[in-house]
Amino acid sequence: LGGEDSETKNFNLDKIIAGDMALLIEALIQLD
């Protein structure tokens, strides 16, 4: 996701590892 220095590729780890992956998955779907 995003460019090399882009912040659009970064997500809150506590939420992700707890299973709250919605924002991350949606970003990947849009890229796809």
PDB file of all heavy atoms in Angstrom:
ATOM      1  N   LEU A   1       0.817  -1.213   0.000  1.00  0.00           N
ATOM      2  CA  LEU A   1       0.000   0.000   0.000  1.00  0.00           C
ATOM      3  C   LEU A   1       0.848   1.258   0.000  1.00  0.00           C
ATOM      4  O   LEU A   1       1.853   1.346   0.718  1.00  0.00           O
ATOM      5  CB  LEU A   1      -0.908   0.026   1.235  1.00  0.00           C
ATOM      6  CG  LEU A   1      -1.945  -1.098   1.328  1.00  0.00           C
ATOM      7  CD1 LEU A   1      -2.585  -1.109   2.690  1.00  0.00           C
ATOM      8  CD2 LEU A   1      -3.009  -0.921   0.243  1.00  0.00           C
ATOM      9  N   GLY A   2       0.449   2.265  -0.759  1.00  0.00           N
ATOM     10  CA  GLY A   2       1.104   3.556  -0.740  1.00  0.00           C
ATOM     11  C   GLY A   2       2.518   3.527  -1.270  1.00  0.00           C
ATOM     12  O   GLY A   2       3.053   2.496  -1.673  1.00  0.00           O
ATOM     13  N   GLY A   3       3.171   4.699  -1.260  1.00  0.00           N
ATOM     14  CA  GLY A   3       4.562   4.807  -1.686  1.00  0.00           C
ATOM     15  C   GLY A   3       5.505   4.368  -0.580  1.00  0.00           C
ATOM     16  O   GLY A   3       5.092   3.984   0.511  1.00  0.00           O
ATOM     17  N   GLU A   4       6.784   4.449  -0.832  1.00  0.00           N
ATOM     18  CA  GLU A   4       7.792   3.992   0.116  1.00  0.00           C
ATOM     19  C   GLU A   4       7.682   4.709   1.457  1.00  0.00           C
ATOM     20  O   GLU A   4       7.866   4.118   2.505  1.00  0.00           O
ATOM     21  CB  GLU A   4       9.193   4.211  -0.485  1.00  0.00           C
ATOM     22  CG  GLU A   4      10.302   3.517   0.285  1.00  0.00           C
ATOM     23  CD  GLU A   4      10.129   2.001   0.302  1.00  0.00           C
ATOM     24  OE1 GLU A   4       9.619   1.441  -0.688  1.00  0.00           O
ATOM     25  OE2 GLU A   4      10.487   1.382   1.320  1.00  0.00           O
ATOM     26  N   ASP A   5       7.393   6.015   1.418  1.00  0.00           N
ATOM     27  CA  ASP A   5       7.309   6.800   2.642  1.00  0.00           C
ATOM     28  C   ASP A   5       5.864   7.129   3.040  1.00  0.00           C
ATOM     29  O   ASP A   5       5.631   7.946   3.926  1.00  0.00           O
ATOM     30  CB  ASP A   5       8.097   8.115   2.483  1.00  0.00           C
ATOM     31  CG  ASP A   5       9.562   7.869   2.161  1.00  0.00           C
ATOM     32  OD1 ASP A   5      10.138   6.955   2.771  1.00  0.00           O
ATOM     33  OD2 ASP A   5      10.110   8.575   1.294  1.00  0.00           O
ATOM     34  N   SER A   6       4.926   6.495   2.379  1.00  0.00           N
ATOM     35  CA  SER A   6       3.525   6.826   2.615  1.00  0.00           C
ATOM     36  C   SER A   6       3.025   6.278   3.946  1.00  0.00           C
ATOM     37  O   SER A   6       3.356   5.165   4.346  1.00  0.00           O
ATOM     38  CB  SER A   6       2.661   6.257   1.486  1.00  0.00           C
ATOM     39  OG  SER A   6       1.297   6.455   1.773  1.00  0.00           O
ATOM     40  N   GLU A   7       2.215   7.081   4.628  1.00  0.00           N
ATOM     41  CA  GLU A   7       1.616   6.648   5.889  1.00  0.00           C
ATOM     42  C   GLU A   7       0.345   5.838   5.649  1.00  0.00           C
ATOM     43  O   GLU A   7      -0.207   5.266   6.588  1.00  0.00           O
ATOM     44  CB  GLU A   7       1.299   7.873   6.759  1.00  0.00           C
ATOM     45  CG  GLU A   7       2.521   8.498   7.413  1.00  0.00           C
ATOM     46  CD  GLU A   7       3.257   7.526   8.339  1.00  0.00           C
ATOM     47  OE1 GLU A   7       2.604   6.868   9.174  1.00  0.00           O
ATOM     48  OE2 GLU A   7       4.487   7.411   8.200  1.00  0.00           O
ATOM     49  N   THR A   8      -0.121   5.793   4.405  1.00  0.00           N
ATOM     50  CA  THR A   8      -1.353   5.051   4.124  1.00  0.00           C
ATOM     51  C   THR A   8      -1.156   3.549   4.248  1.00  0.00           C
ATOM     52  O   THR A   8      -2.117   2.793   4.231  1.00  0.00           O
ATOM     53  CB  THR A   8      -1.861   5.364   2.702  1.00  0.00           C
ATOM     54  OG1 THR A   8      -0.856   5.001   1.750  1.00  0.00           O
ATOM     55  CG2 THR A   8      -2.188   6.832   2.559  1.00  0.00           C
ATOM     56  N   LYS A   9       0.086   3.118   4.383  1.00  0.00           N
ATOM     57  CA  LYS A   9       0.362   1.690   4.515  1.00  0.00           C
ATOM     58  C   LYS A   9       0.476   1.264   5.977  1.00  0.00           C
ATOM     59  O   LYS A   9       0.692   0.096   6.263  1.00  0.00           O
ATOM     60  CB  LYS A   9       1.638   1.322   3.763  1.00  0.00           C
ATOM     61  CG  LYS A   9       2.891   2.034   4.296  1.00  0.00           C
ATOM     62  CD  LYS A   9       4.166   1.443   3.724  1.00  0.00           C
ATOM     63  CE  LYS A   9       4.244   1.632   2.235  1.00  0.00           C
ATOM     64  NZ  LYS A   9       5.493   1.110   1.680  1.00  0.00           N
ATOM     65  N   ASN A  10       0.361   2.214   6.917  1.00  0.00           N
ATOM     66  CA  ASN A  10       0.547   1.918   8.337  1.00  0.00           C
ATOM     67  C   ASN A  10      -0.786   1.898   9.085  1.00  0.00           C
ATOM     68  O   ASN A  10      -1.637   2.764   8.879  1.00  0.00           O
ATOM     69  CB  ASN A  10       1.479   2.947   8.978  1.00  0.00           C
ATOM     70  CG  ASN A  10       2.877   2.885   8.396  1.00  0.00           C
ATOM     71  OD1 ASN A  10       3.399   1.812   8.129  1.00  0.00           O
ATOM     72  ND2 ASN A  10       3.479   4.044   8.172  1.00  0.00           N
ATOM     73  N   PHE A  11      -0.942   0.909   9.979  1.00  0.00           N
ATOM     74  CA  PHE A  11      -2.173   0.742  10.742  1.00  0.00           C
ATOM     75  C   PHE A  11      -1.843   0.459  12.204  1.00  0.00           C
ATOM     76  O   PHE A  11      -0.739   0.023  12.533  1.00  0.00           O
ATOM     77  CB  PHE A  11      -2.999  -0.423  10.161  1.00  0.00           C
ATOM     78  CG  PHE A  11      -3.411  -0.207   8.735  1.00  0.00           C
ATOM     79  CD1 PHE A  11      -2.531  -0.500   7.696  1.00  0.00           C
ATOM     80  CD2 PHE A  11      -4.655   0.319   8.422  1.00  0.00           C
ATOM     81  CE1 PHE A  11      -2.894  -0.292   6.368  1.00  0.00           C
ATOM     82  CE2 PHE A  11      -5.025   0.533   7.098  1.00  0.00           C
ATOM     83  CZ  PHE A  11      -4.146   0.230   6.076  1.00  0.00           C
ATOM     84  N   ASN A  12      -2.826   0.711  13.082  1.00  0.00           N
ATOM     85  CA  ASN A  12      -2.651   0.466  14.510  1.00  0.00           C
ATOM     86  C   ASN A  12      -2.504  -1.031  14.763  1.00  0.00           C
ATOM     87  O   ASN A  12      -3.426  -1.804  14.504  1.00  0.00           O
ATOM     88  CB  ASN A  12      -3.850   1.027  15.277  1.00  0.00           C
ATOM     89  CG  ASN A  12      -3.720   0.856  16.776  1.00  0.00           C
ATOM     90  OD1 ASN A  12      -3.842  -0.254  17.281  1.00  0.00           O
ATOM     91  ND2 ASN A  12      -3.484   1.949  17.478  1.00  0.00           N
ATOM     92  N   LEU A  13      -1.352  -1.433  15.268  1.00  0.00           N
ATOM     93  CA  LEU A  13      -1.059  -2.862  15.423  1.00  0.00           C
ATOM     94  C   LEU A  13      -1.953  -3.524  16.464  1.00  0.00           C
ATOM     95  O   LEU A  13      -2.391  -4.661  16.271  1.00  0.00           O
ATOM     96  CB  LEU A  13       0.413  -3.054  15.792  1.00  0.00           C
ATOM     97  CG  LEU A  13       0.857  -4.498  16.044  1.00  0.00           C
ATOM     98  CD1 LEU A  13       0.556  -5.373  14.839  1.00  0.00           C
ATOM     99  CD2 LEU A  13       2.336  -4.553  16.376  1.00  0.00           C
ATOM    100  N   ASP A  14      -2.235  -2.824  17.574  1.00  0.00           N
ATOM    101  CA  ASP A  14      -3.081  -3.411  18.616  1.00  0.00           C
ATOM    102  C   ASP A  14      -4.431  -3.842  18.046  1.00  0.00           C
ATOM    103  O   ASP A  14      -4.938  -4.917  18.364  1.00  0.00           O
ATOM    104  CB  ASP A  14      -3.300  -2.414  19.759  1.00  0.00           C
ATOM    105  CG  ASP A  14      -2.064  -2.245  20.626  1.00  0.00           C
ATOM    106  OD1 ASP A  14      -1.173  -3.120  20.564  1.00  0.00           O
ATOM    107  OD2 ASP A  14      -1.987  -1.240  21.366  1.00  0.00           O
ATOM    108  N   LYS A  15      -4.999  -2.988  17.182  1.00  0.00           N
ATOM    109  CA  LYS A  15      -6.295  -3.313  16.585  1.00  0.00           C
ATOM    110  C   LYS A  15      -6.168  -4.482  15.599  1.00  0.00           C
ATOM    111  O   LYS A  15      -7.006  -5.391  15.591  1.00  0.00           O
ATOM    112  CB  LYS A  15      -6.862  -2.086  15.865  1.00  0.00           C
ATOM    113  CG  LYS A  15      -7.339  -0.982  16.789  1.00  0.00           C
ATOM    114  CD  LYS A  15      -7.997   0.130  15.990  1.00  0.00           C
ATOM    115  CE  LYS A  15      -8.558   1.217  16.909  1.00  0.00           C
ATOM    116  NZ  LYS A  15      -9.217   2.293  16.141  1.00  0.00           N
ATOM    117  N   ILE A  16      -5.139  -4.438  14.771  1.00  0.00           N
ATOM    118  CA  ILE A  16      -4.966  -5.486  13.756  1.00  0.00           C
ATOM    119  C   ILE A  16      -4.799  -6.847  14.404  1.00  0.00           C
ATOM    120  O   ILE A  16      -5.483  -7.817  14.048  1.00  0.00           O
ATOM    121  CB  ILE A  16      -3.746  -5.178  12.858  1.00  0.00           C
ATOM    122  CG1 ILE A  16      -3.947  -3.882  12.084  1.00  0.00           C
ATOM    123  CG2 ILE A  16      -3.477  -6.345  11.899  1.00  0.00           C
ATOM    124  CD1 ILE A  16      -5.079  -3.893  11.094  1.00  0.00           C
ATOM    125  N   ILE A  17      -3.885  -6.963  15.357  1.00  0.00           N
ATOM    126  CA  ILE A  17      -3.574  -8.261  15.964  1.00  0.00           C
ATOM    127  C   ILE A  17      -4.764  -8.769  16.786  1.00  0.00           C
ATOM    128  O   ILE A  17      -4.894  -9.962  17.050  1.00  0.00           O
ATOM    129  CB  ILE A  17      -2.291  -8.175  16.824  1.00  0.00           C
ATOM    130  CG1 ILE A  17      -1.565  -9.526  16.843  1.00  0.00           C
ATOM    131  CG2 ILE A  17      -2.591  -7.686  18.218  1.00  0.00           C
ATOM    132  CD1 ILE A  17      -0.905  -9.892  15.534  1.00  0.00           C
ATOM    133  N   ALA A  18      -5.669  -7.822  17.177  1.00  0.00           N
ATOM    134  CA  ALA A  18      -6.874  -8.215  17.910  1.00  0.00           C
ATOM    135  C   ALA A  18      -8.002  -8.629  16.964  1.00  0.00           C
ATOM    136  O   ALA A  18      -9.105  -8.955  17.407  1.00  0.00           O
ATOM    137  CB  ALA A  18      -7.340  -7.061  18.806  1.00  0.00           C
ATOM    138  N   GLY A  19      -7.721  -8.613  15.662  1.00  0.00           N
ATOM    139  CA  GLY A  19      -8.708  -9.062  14.685  1.00  0.00           C
ATOM    140  C   GLY A  19      -9.514  -7.963  14.038  1.00  0.00           C
ATOM    141  O   GLY A  19     -10.386  -8.229  13.199  1.00  0.00           O
ATOM    142  N   ASP A  20      -9.228  -6.693  14.391  1.00  0.00           N
ATOM    143  CA  ASP A  20      -9.942  -5.569  13.780  1.00  0.00           C
ATOM    144  C   ASP A  20      -9.191  -5.167  12.503  1.00  0.00           C
ATOM    145  O   ASP A  20      -8.447  -4.202  12.475  1.00  0.00           O
ATOM    146  CB  ASP A  20      -9.991  -4.398  14.764  1.00  0.00           C
ATOM    147  CG  ASP A  20     -10.828  -3.227  14.250  1.00  0.00           C
ATOM    148  OD1 ASP A  20     -11.330  -3.321  13.105  1.00  0.00           O
ATOM    149  OD2 ASP A  20     -10.960  -2.223  14.967  1.00  0.00           O
ATOM    150  N   MET A  21      -9.412  -5.922  11.431  1.00  0.00           N
ATOM    151  CA  MET A  21      -8.649  -5.777  10.202  1.00  0.00           C
ATOM    152  C   MET A  21      -9.403  -5.043   9.101  1.00  0.00           C
ATOM    153  O   MET A  21      -8.917  -4.947   7.974  1.00  0.00           O
ATOM    154  CB  MET A  21      -8.251  -7.169   9.686  1.00  0.00           C
ATOM    155  CG  MET A  21      -7.482  -8.020  10.684  1.00  0.00           C
ATOM    156  SD  MET A  21      -7.214  -9.696  10.044  1.00  0.00           S
ATOM    157  CE  MET A  21      -6.086  -9.372   8.670  1.00  0.00           C
ATOM    158  N   ALA A  22     -10.568  -4.509   9.406  1.00  0.00           N
ATOM    159  CA  ALA A  22     -11.456  -3.967   8.373  1.00  0.00           C
ATOM    160  C   ALA A  22     -10.791  -2.893   7.513  1.00  0.00           C
ATOM    161  O   ALA A  22     -10.864  -2.943   6.278  1.00  0.00           O
ATOM    162  CB  ALA A  22     -12.731  -3.426   9.017  1.00  0.00           C
ATOM    163  N   LEU A  23     -10.149  -1.904   8.132  1.00  0.00           N
ATOM    164  CA  LEU A  23      -9.541  -0.806   7.366  1.00  0.00           C
ATOM    165  C   LEU A  23      -8.411  -1.309   6.479  1.00  0.00           C
ATOM    166  O   LEU A  23      -8.283  -0.892   5.330  1.00  0.00           O
ATOM    167  CB  LEU A  23      -9.011   0.274   8.326  1.00  0.00           C
ATOM    168  CG  LEU A  23     -10.071   1.095   9.060  1.00  0.00           C
ATOM    169  CD1 LEU A  23      -9.403   2.066  10.034  1.00  0.00           C
ATOM    170  CD2 LEU A  23     -10.955   1.858   8.074  1.00  0.00           C
ATOM    171  N   LEU A  24      -7.603  -2.209   7.003  1.00  0.00           N
ATOM    172  CA  LEU A  24      -6.484  -2.774   6.239  1.00  0.00           C
ATOM    173  C   LEU A  24      -6.989  -3.565   5.043  1.00  0.00           C
ATOM    174  O   LEU A  24      -6.517  -3.380   3.906  1.00  0.00           O
ATOM    175  CB  LEU A  24      -5.635  -3.658   7.149  1.00  0.00           C
ATOM    176  CG  LEU A  24      -4.543  -4.515   6.496  1.00  0.00           C
ATOM    177  CD1 LEU A  24      -3.567  -3.655   5.722  1.00  0.00           C
ATOM    178  CD2 LEU A  24      -3.821  -5.342   7.548  1.00  0.00           C
ATOM    179  N   ILE A  25      -7.957  -4.441   5.272  1.00  0.00           N
ATOM    180  CA  ILE A  25      -8.486  -5.272   4.187  1.00  0.00           C
ATOM    181  C   ILE A  25      -9.161  -4.415   3.127  1.00  0.00           C
ATOM    182  O   ILE A  25      -8.996  -4.643   1.925  1.00  0.00           O
ATOM    183  CB  ILE A  25      -9.483  -6.317   4.733  1.00  0.00           C
ATOM    184  CG1 ILE A  25      -8.785  -7.278   5.710  1.00  0.00           C
ATOM    185  CG2 ILE A  25     -10.126  -7.094   3.594  1.00  0.00           C
ATOM    186  CD1 ILE A  25      -7.707  -8.120   5.098  1.00  0.00           C
ATOM    187  N   GLU A  26      -9.908  -3.387   3.537  1.00  0.00           N
ATOM    188  CA  GLU A  26     -10.587  -2.523   2.583  1.00  0.00           C
ATOM    189  C   GLU A  26      -9.579  -1.781   1.706  1.00  0.00           C
ATOM    190  O   GLU A  26      -9.794  -1.604   0.503  1.00  0.00           O
ATOM    191  CB  GLU A  26     -11.483  -1.527   3.320  1.00  0.00           C
ATOM    192  CG  GLU A  26     -12.271  -0.595   2.398  1.00  0.00           C
ATOM    193  CD  GLU A  26     -13.147  -1.330   1.404  1.00  0.00           C
ATOM    194  OE1 GLU A  26     -13.648  -2.433   1.717  1.00  0.00           O
ATOM    195  OE2 GLU A  26     -13.347  -0.791   0.287  1.00  0.00           O
ATOM    196  N   ALA A  27      -8.456  -1.349   2.311  1.00  0.00           N
ATOM    197  CA  ALA A  27      -7.415  -0.663   1.532  1.00  0.00           C
ATOM    198  C   ALA A  27      -6.828  -1.596   0.479  1.00  0.00           C
ATOM    199  O   ALA A  27      -6.562  -1.190  -0.664  1.00  0.00           O
ATOM    200  CB  ALA A  27      -6.317  -0.163   2.462  1.00  0.00           C
ATOM    201  N   LEU A  28      -6.645  -2.864   0.831  1.00  0.00           N
ATOM    202  CA  LEU A  28      -6.104  -3.845  -0.115  1.00  0.00           C
ATOM    203  C   LEU A  28      -7.109  -4.161  -1.218  1.00  0.00           C
ATOM    204  O   LEU A  28      -6.732  -4.360  -2.377  1.00  0.00           O
ATOM    205  CB  LEU A  28      -5.704  -5.123   0.628  1.00  0.00           C
ATOM    206  CG  LEU A  28      -4.455  -4.995   1.510  1.00  0.00           C
ATOM    207  CD1 LEU A  28      -4.338  -6.182   2.456  1.00  0.00           C
ATOM    208  CD2 LEU A  28      -3.205  -4.858   0.655  1.00  0.00           C
ATOM    209  N   ILE A  29      -8.378  -4.214  -0.868  1.00  0.00           N
ATOM    210  CA  ILE A  29      -9.420  -4.459  -1.868  1.00  0.00           C
ATOM    211  C   ILE A  29      -9.459  -3.313  -2.881  1.00  0.00           C
ATOM    212  O   ILE A  29      -9.566  -3.543  -4.096  1.00  0.00           O
ATOM    213  CB  ILE A  29     -10.798  -4.630  -1.194  1.00  0.00           C
ATOM    214  CG1 ILE A  29     -10.864  -5.988  -0.471  1.00  0.00           C
ATOM    215  CG2 ILE A  29     -11.925  -4.530  -2.218  1.00  0.00           C
ATOM    216  CD1 ILE A  29     -12.143  -6.209   0.316  1.00  0.00           C
ATOM    217  N   GLN A  30      -9.354  -2.078  -2.394  1.00  0.00           N
ATOM    218  CA  GLN A  30      -9.366  -0.924  -3.294  1.00  0.00           C
ATOM    219  C   GLN A  30      -8.150  -0.939  -4.225  1.00  0.00           C
ATOM    220  O   GLN A  30      -8.258  -0.635  -5.413  1.00  0.00           O
ATOM    221  CB  GLN A  30      -9.399   0.377  -2.485  1.00  0.00           C
ATOM    222  CG  GLN A  30     -10.705   0.618  -1.746  1.00  0.00           C
ATOM    223  CD  GLN A  30     -11.922   0.605  -2.667  1.00  0.00           C
ATOM    224  OE1 GLN A  30     -11.891   1.134  -3.781  1.00  0.00           O
ATOM    225  NE2 GLN A  30     -13.001  -0.029  -2.210  1.00  0.00           N
ATOM    226  N   LEU A  31      -6.983  -1.303  -3.684  1.00  0.00           N
ATOM    227  CA  LEU A  31      -5.776  -1.401  -4.514  1.00  0.00           C
ATOM    228  C   LEU A  31      -5.943  -2.485  -5.567  1.00  0.00           C
ATOM    229  O   LEU A  31      -5.567  -2.313  -6.729  1.00  0.00           O
ATOM    230  CB  LEU A  31      -4.565  -1.696  -3.634  1.00  0.00           C
ATOM    231  CG  LEU A  31      -3.234  -1.929  -4.379  1.00  0.00           C
ATOM    232  CD1 LEU A  31      -2.831  -0.692  -5.169  1.00  0.00           C
ATOM    233  CD2 LEU A  31      -2.131  -2.320  -3.395  1.00  0.00           C
ATOM    234  N   ASP A  32      -6.522  -3.596  -5.164  1.00  0.00           N
ATOM    235  CA  ASP A  32      -6.747  -4.708  -6.089  1.00  0.00           C
ATOM    236  C   ASP A  32      -7.669  -4.283  -7.230  1.00  0.00           C
ATOM    237  O   ASP A  32      -7.448  -4.621  -8.397  1.00  0.00           O
ATOM    238  CB  ASP A  32      -7.351  -5.892  -5.318  1.00  0.00           C
ATOM    239  CG  ASP A  32      -7.521  -7.121  -6.176  1.00  0.00           C
ATOM    240  OD1 ASP A  32      -6.558  -7.494  -6.868  1.00  0.00           O
ATOM    241  OD2 ASP A  32      -8.609  -7.717  -6.165  1.00  0.00           O
TER     242      ASP A  32
END
